[in-house]
N, C-alpha and C. Protein backbone atom coordinates (compact mmCIF):
# COMPACT_ATOMS: atom_id res chain seq x y z
N MET A 1 79.94 128.73 26.30
CA MET A 1 79.34 127.41 26.37
C MET A 1 78.94 126.97 24.96
N MET A 2 79.30 125.79 24.59
CA MET A 2 78.93 125.24 23.30
C MET A 2 77.59 124.51 23.43
N LEU A 3 76.75 124.63 22.42
CA LEU A 3 75.45 123.96 22.40
C LEU A 3 75.46 122.94 21.27
N ILE A 4 75.09 121.72 21.59
CA ILE A 4 75.09 120.62 20.62
C ILE A 4 73.64 120.25 20.33
N ASP A 5 73.29 120.21 19.06
CA ASP A 5 71.93 119.86 18.61
C ASP A 5 72.00 118.46 18.01
N VAL A 6 71.45 117.48 18.73
CA VAL A 6 71.44 116.08 18.28
C VAL A 6 70.05 115.81 17.71
N ARG A 7 70.00 115.49 16.42
CA ARG A 7 68.73 115.33 15.71
C ARG A 7 68.63 113.89 15.20
N THR A 8 67.59 113.19 15.64
CA THR A 8 67.39 111.79 15.27
C THR A 8 66.10 111.67 14.45
N TYR A 9 66.20 111.00 13.32
CA TYR A 9 65.06 110.85 12.41
C TYR A 9 64.82 109.39 12.13
N ASP A 10 63.54 109.01 12.06
CA ASP A 10 63.13 107.67 11.64
C ASP A 10 62.40 107.79 10.30
N CYS A 11 62.80 106.93 9.37
CA CYS A 11 62.17 106.90 8.05
C CYS A 11 61.29 105.64 7.92
N LYS A 12 60.38 105.69 6.98
CA LYS A 12 59.59 104.50 6.66
C LYS A 12 60.54 103.40 6.21
N PRO A 13 60.20 102.14 6.49
CA PRO A 13 61.06 101.05 6.05
C PRO A 13 61.39 101.15 4.55
N ASN A 14 62.64 100.92 4.26
CA ASN A 14 63.19 100.89 2.89
C ASN A 14 63.21 102.25 2.19
N SER A 15 62.95 103.34 2.89
CA SER A 15 62.96 104.65 2.24
C SER A 15 64.20 105.48 2.59
N LEU A 16 65.02 104.99 3.51
CA LEU A 16 66.19 105.77 3.94
C LEU A 16 67.13 106.10 2.78
N PRO A 17 67.46 105.17 1.89
CA PRO A 17 68.36 105.53 0.79
C PRO A 17 67.82 106.67 -0.08
N GLN A 18 66.55 106.65 -0.40
CA GLN A 18 65.96 107.72 -1.22
C GLN A 18 65.95 109.05 -0.46
N HIS A 19 65.65 108.98 0.82
CA HIS A 19 65.62 110.20 1.63
C HIS A 19 67.02 110.82 1.73
N LEU A 20 68.03 110.00 2.00
CA LEU A 20 69.39 110.52 2.09
C LEU A 20 69.89 111.04 0.75
N ALA A 21 69.50 110.40 -0.33
CA ALA A 21 69.89 110.88 -1.66
C ALA A 21 69.28 112.25 -1.94
N LEU A 22 68.02 112.43 -1.57
CA LEU A 22 67.37 113.73 -1.74
C LEU A 22 68.06 114.78 -0.87
N TYR A 23 68.37 114.43 0.37
CA TYR A 23 69.07 115.37 1.26
C TYR A 23 70.43 115.74 0.67
N GLU A 24 71.18 114.75 0.21
CA GLU A 24 72.51 115.03 -0.34
C GLU A 24 72.43 115.99 -1.53
N ARG A 25 71.40 115.81 -2.35
CA ARG A 25 71.26 116.63 -3.57
C ARG A 25 70.73 118.03 -3.27
N LEU A 26 69.69 118.13 -2.43
CA LEU A 26 69.02 119.42 -2.23
C LEU A 26 69.21 120.02 -0.84
N GLY A 27 69.27 119.20 0.19
CA GLY A 27 69.32 119.71 1.55
C GLY A 27 70.71 120.08 2.04
N LYS A 28 71.66 119.20 1.78
CA LYS A 28 73.02 119.40 2.30
C LYS A 28 73.64 120.72 1.85
N PRO A 29 73.58 121.09 0.57
CA PRO A 29 74.24 122.34 0.17
C PRO A 29 73.71 123.57 0.92
N VAL A 30 72.42 123.67 1.07
CA VAL A 30 71.85 124.85 1.72
C VAL A 30 72.02 124.77 3.23
N GLN A 31 71.90 123.58 3.81
CA GLN A 31 72.04 123.47 5.25
C GLN A 31 73.46 123.79 5.70
N THR A 32 74.44 123.26 5.00
CA THR A 32 75.83 123.54 5.38
C THR A 32 76.21 124.99 5.07
N LYS A 33 75.54 125.61 4.11
CA LYS A 33 75.78 127.04 3.83
C LYS A 33 75.45 127.87 5.07
N HIS A 34 74.39 127.51 5.77
CA HIS A 34 73.95 128.28 6.93
C HIS A 34 74.50 127.77 8.26
N LEU A 35 74.66 126.46 8.39
CA LEU A 35 75.04 125.88 9.68
C LEU A 35 76.50 125.46 9.76
N GLY A 36 77.20 125.43 8.63
CA GLY A 36 78.55 124.88 8.62
C GLY A 36 78.49 123.36 8.54
N GLN A 37 79.62 122.73 8.78
CA GLN A 37 79.67 121.27 8.71
C GLN A 37 79.17 120.66 10.02
N PRO A 38 78.41 119.58 9.95
CA PRO A 38 77.97 118.94 11.20
C PRO A 38 79.14 118.26 11.90
N LEU A 39 78.98 118.07 13.20
CA LEU A 39 79.95 117.27 13.95
C LEU A 39 79.91 115.84 13.44
N ALA A 40 78.69 115.37 13.12
CA ALA A 40 78.52 114.01 12.59
C ALA A 40 77.20 113.92 11.85
N PHE A 41 77.15 113.05 10.85
CA PHE A 41 75.93 112.71 10.12
C PHE A 41 76.00 111.20 9.94
N LEU A 42 75.14 110.46 10.64
CA LEU A 42 75.32 109.02 10.82
C LEU A 42 74.06 108.23 10.47
N ALA A 43 74.24 107.09 9.83
CA ALA A 43 73.16 106.13 9.61
C ALA A 43 73.39 104.96 10.56
N CYS A 44 72.32 104.34 11.05
CA CYS A 44 72.45 103.24 12.01
C CYS A 44 73.03 102.00 11.34
N GLU A 45 74.03 101.44 11.98
CA GLU A 45 74.63 100.19 11.55
C GLU A 45 73.93 99.01 12.22
N SER A 46 73.46 99.22 13.44
CA SER A 46 72.69 98.20 14.15
C SER A 46 71.52 98.90 14.82
N GLY A 47 70.60 98.14 15.33
CA GLY A 47 69.40 98.75 15.90
C GLY A 47 68.40 99.02 14.79
N ASN A 48 67.87 100.22 14.75
CA ASN A 48 66.85 100.59 13.75
C ASN A 48 67.53 100.94 12.42
N PRO A 49 67.40 100.10 11.39
CA PRO A 49 68.06 100.38 10.11
C PRO A 49 67.42 101.53 9.33
N ASN A 50 66.32 102.05 9.82
CA ASN A 50 65.62 103.14 9.15
C ASN A 50 65.85 104.48 9.85
N GLN A 51 66.88 104.55 10.69
CA GLN A 51 67.14 105.73 11.50
C GLN A 51 68.49 106.35 11.14
N TYR A 52 68.53 107.68 11.22
CA TYR A 52 69.81 108.38 11.08
C TYR A 52 69.85 109.54 12.06
N VAL A 53 71.07 110.01 12.33
CA VAL A 53 71.30 111.06 13.31
C VAL A 53 72.25 112.08 12.69
N HIS A 54 71.98 113.35 12.93
CA HIS A 54 73.00 114.35 12.65
C HIS A 54 73.16 115.26 13.84
N ILE A 55 74.40 115.74 14.02
CA ILE A 55 74.77 116.50 15.20
C ILE A 55 75.43 117.80 14.75
N TRP A 56 74.88 118.91 15.24
CA TRP A 56 75.36 120.25 14.87
C TRP A 56 75.88 120.97 16.10
N MET A 57 76.91 121.79 15.93
CA MET A 57 77.50 122.54 17.03
C MET A 57 77.21 124.03 16.84
N TYR A 58 76.86 124.67 17.95
CA TYR A 58 76.62 126.11 17.96
C TYR A 58 77.37 126.73 19.14
N GLU A 59 77.69 128.00 19.02
CA GLU A 59 78.36 128.70 20.11
C GLU A 59 77.45 128.78 21.34
N ASN A 60 76.16 129.01 21.10
CA ASN A 60 75.19 129.16 22.19
C ASN A 60 73.79 129.15 21.57
N ALA A 61 72.76 129.35 22.39
CA ALA A 61 71.39 129.31 21.89
C ALA A 61 71.11 130.42 20.88
N ALA A 62 71.67 131.60 21.09
CA ALA A 62 71.45 132.71 20.15
C ALA A 62 72.06 132.40 18.79
N ASP A 63 73.25 131.80 18.78
CA ASP A 63 73.90 131.41 17.52
C ASP A 63 73.03 130.39 16.78
N ARG A 64 72.51 129.40 17.51
CA ARG A 64 71.64 128.40 16.90
C ARG A 64 70.39 129.05 16.33
N GLU A 65 69.77 129.90 17.11
CA GLU A 65 68.53 130.55 16.68
C GLU A 65 68.75 131.37 15.41
N ALA A 66 69.82 132.14 15.36
CA ALA A 66 70.10 132.98 14.19
C ALA A 66 70.38 132.13 12.95
N LYS A 67 71.20 131.11 13.09
CA LYS A 67 71.54 130.26 11.94
C LYS A 67 70.33 129.48 11.44
N ARG A 68 69.52 128.95 12.36
CA ARG A 68 68.35 128.17 11.94
C ARG A 68 67.28 129.08 11.33
N ALA A 69 67.18 130.33 11.79
CA ALA A 69 66.23 131.27 11.19
C ALA A 69 66.64 131.61 9.76
N ALA A 70 67.94 131.82 9.53
CA ALA A 70 68.42 132.09 8.18
C ALA A 70 68.17 130.88 7.28
N LEU A 71 68.41 129.69 7.79
CA LEU A 71 68.16 128.47 7.02
C LEU A 71 66.68 128.36 6.67
N ALA A 72 65.81 128.56 7.65
CA ALA A 72 64.36 128.41 7.43
C ALA A 72 63.83 129.39 6.40
N ALA A 73 64.48 130.54 6.26
CA ALA A 73 64.02 131.56 5.31
C ALA A 73 64.60 131.38 3.91
N ASP A 74 65.57 130.50 3.75
CA ASP A 74 66.24 130.33 2.46
C ASP A 74 65.32 129.58 1.49
N PRO A 75 65.06 130.12 0.30
CA PRO A 75 64.19 129.45 -0.67
C PRO A 75 64.65 128.03 -1.04
N ASP A 76 65.96 127.80 -1.05
CA ASP A 76 66.46 126.46 -1.37
C ASP A 76 66.10 125.47 -0.27
N TRP A 77 66.10 125.91 0.99
CA TRP A 77 65.69 125.03 2.10
C TRP A 77 64.19 124.78 2.05
N ILE A 78 63.44 125.81 1.74
CA ILE A 78 61.98 125.66 1.61
C ILE A 78 61.66 124.66 0.52
N ASN A 79 62.38 124.73 -0.59
CA ASN A 79 62.19 123.77 -1.69
C ASN A 79 62.57 122.35 -1.25
N TYR A 80 63.69 122.23 -0.56
CA TYR A 80 64.08 120.89 -0.08
C TYR A 80 63.01 120.30 0.84
N ARG A 81 62.51 121.09 1.76
CA ARG A 81 61.48 120.60 2.69
C ARG A 81 60.22 120.17 1.94
N ALA A 82 59.85 120.91 0.89
CA ALA A 82 58.69 120.53 0.08
C ALA A 82 58.94 119.21 -0.65
N GLU A 83 60.13 119.05 -1.22
CA GLU A 83 60.46 117.80 -1.91
C GLU A 83 60.52 116.63 -0.93
N SER A 84 61.04 116.87 0.26
CA SER A 84 61.09 115.84 1.28
C SER A 84 59.66 115.42 1.69
N ALA A 85 58.78 116.39 1.83
CA ALA A 85 57.39 116.08 2.16
C ALA A 85 56.73 115.26 1.06
N LYS A 86 57.03 115.60 -0.21
CA LYS A 86 56.49 114.81 -1.33
C LYS A 86 56.97 113.37 -1.28
N LEU A 87 58.26 113.19 -0.95
CA LEU A 87 58.81 111.84 -0.85
C LEU A 87 58.12 111.07 0.27
N GLY A 88 57.83 111.74 1.36
CA GLY A 88 57.08 111.12 2.45
C GLY A 88 57.82 110.05 3.23
N ALA A 89 59.13 110.14 3.28
CA ALA A 89 59.92 109.10 3.95
C ALA A 89 59.98 109.27 5.46
N LEU A 90 59.91 110.49 5.95
CA LEU A 90 60.11 110.72 7.38
C LEU A 90 58.88 110.35 8.21
N LEU A 91 59.12 109.64 9.30
CA LEU A 91 58.06 109.27 10.23
C LEU A 91 58.13 110.10 11.51
N THR A 92 59.33 110.17 12.11
CA THR A 92 59.50 110.89 13.37
C THR A 92 60.80 111.67 13.38
N GLN A 93 60.83 112.67 14.26
CA GLN A 93 62.03 113.48 14.47
C GLN A 93 62.13 113.75 15.96
N GLU A 94 63.34 113.63 16.50
CA GLU A 94 63.60 113.98 17.89
C GLU A 94 64.83 114.86 17.94
N ASN A 95 64.74 116.00 18.62
CA ASN A 95 65.86 116.91 18.77
C ASN A 95 66.22 117.00 20.25
N LYS A 96 67.51 116.95 20.52
CA LYS A 96 68.02 117.15 21.88
C LYS A 96 69.09 118.22 21.82
N LEU A 97 68.96 119.24 22.67
CA LEU A 97 70.00 120.25 22.82
C LEU A 97 70.83 119.84 24.03
N MET A 98 72.15 119.72 23.82
CA MET A 98 73.03 119.19 24.86
C MET A 98 74.26 120.08 24.98
N THR A 99 74.94 119.97 26.11
CA THR A 99 76.20 120.69 26.32
C THR A 99 77.28 119.68 26.70
N PRO A 100 78.50 119.91 26.25
CA PRO A 100 79.60 119.01 26.60
C PRO A 100 79.91 119.11 28.10
N VAL A 101 80.34 118.00 28.69
CA VAL A 101 80.78 118.01 30.07
C VAL A 101 82.19 118.58 30.14
N SER A 102 82.55 119.12 31.28
CA SER A 102 83.83 119.82 31.41
C SER A 102 85.05 118.92 31.19
N PHE A 103 84.93 117.64 31.51
CA PHE A 103 86.09 116.76 31.39
C PHE A 103 86.23 116.09 30.03
N PHE A 104 85.30 116.36 29.08
CA PHE A 104 85.42 115.93 27.69
C PHE A 104 84.96 117.06 26.78
N PRO A 105 85.71 118.15 26.73
CA PRO A 105 85.29 119.26 25.87
C PRO A 105 85.43 118.88 24.39
N LEU A 106 84.57 119.47 23.58
CA LEU A 106 84.64 119.23 22.14
C LEU A 106 85.54 120.29 21.50
N ALA A 107 86.37 119.85 20.58
CA ALA A 107 87.20 120.78 19.83
C ALA A 107 86.43 121.29 18.65
N ARG A 108 86.53 122.54 18.35
CA ARG A 108 85.86 123.12 17.17
C ARG A 108 86.76 123.08 16.00
């Protein structure tokens, strides 16, 4: 069974570009080192212009737990989280763990 982690973030108005630039510089290299490439990393085109979503695929809950634990322990991720907190752009975060339906399986 594949497990899909859909993560939605809201930023303070007008702070999304700075937040994404910080992520691209400091967060992306370490996150993809541990989690691989996301299924998608998206900014809203309509609706809330201060929102973005990223979607990660895992083999199962144990795979997700192991990869996220390694990420959380990485000094580069800890540094990114500290810099993100200093920037103060994030307002909310919502995570949904989902599974594909049988008639639309996801290709890895």
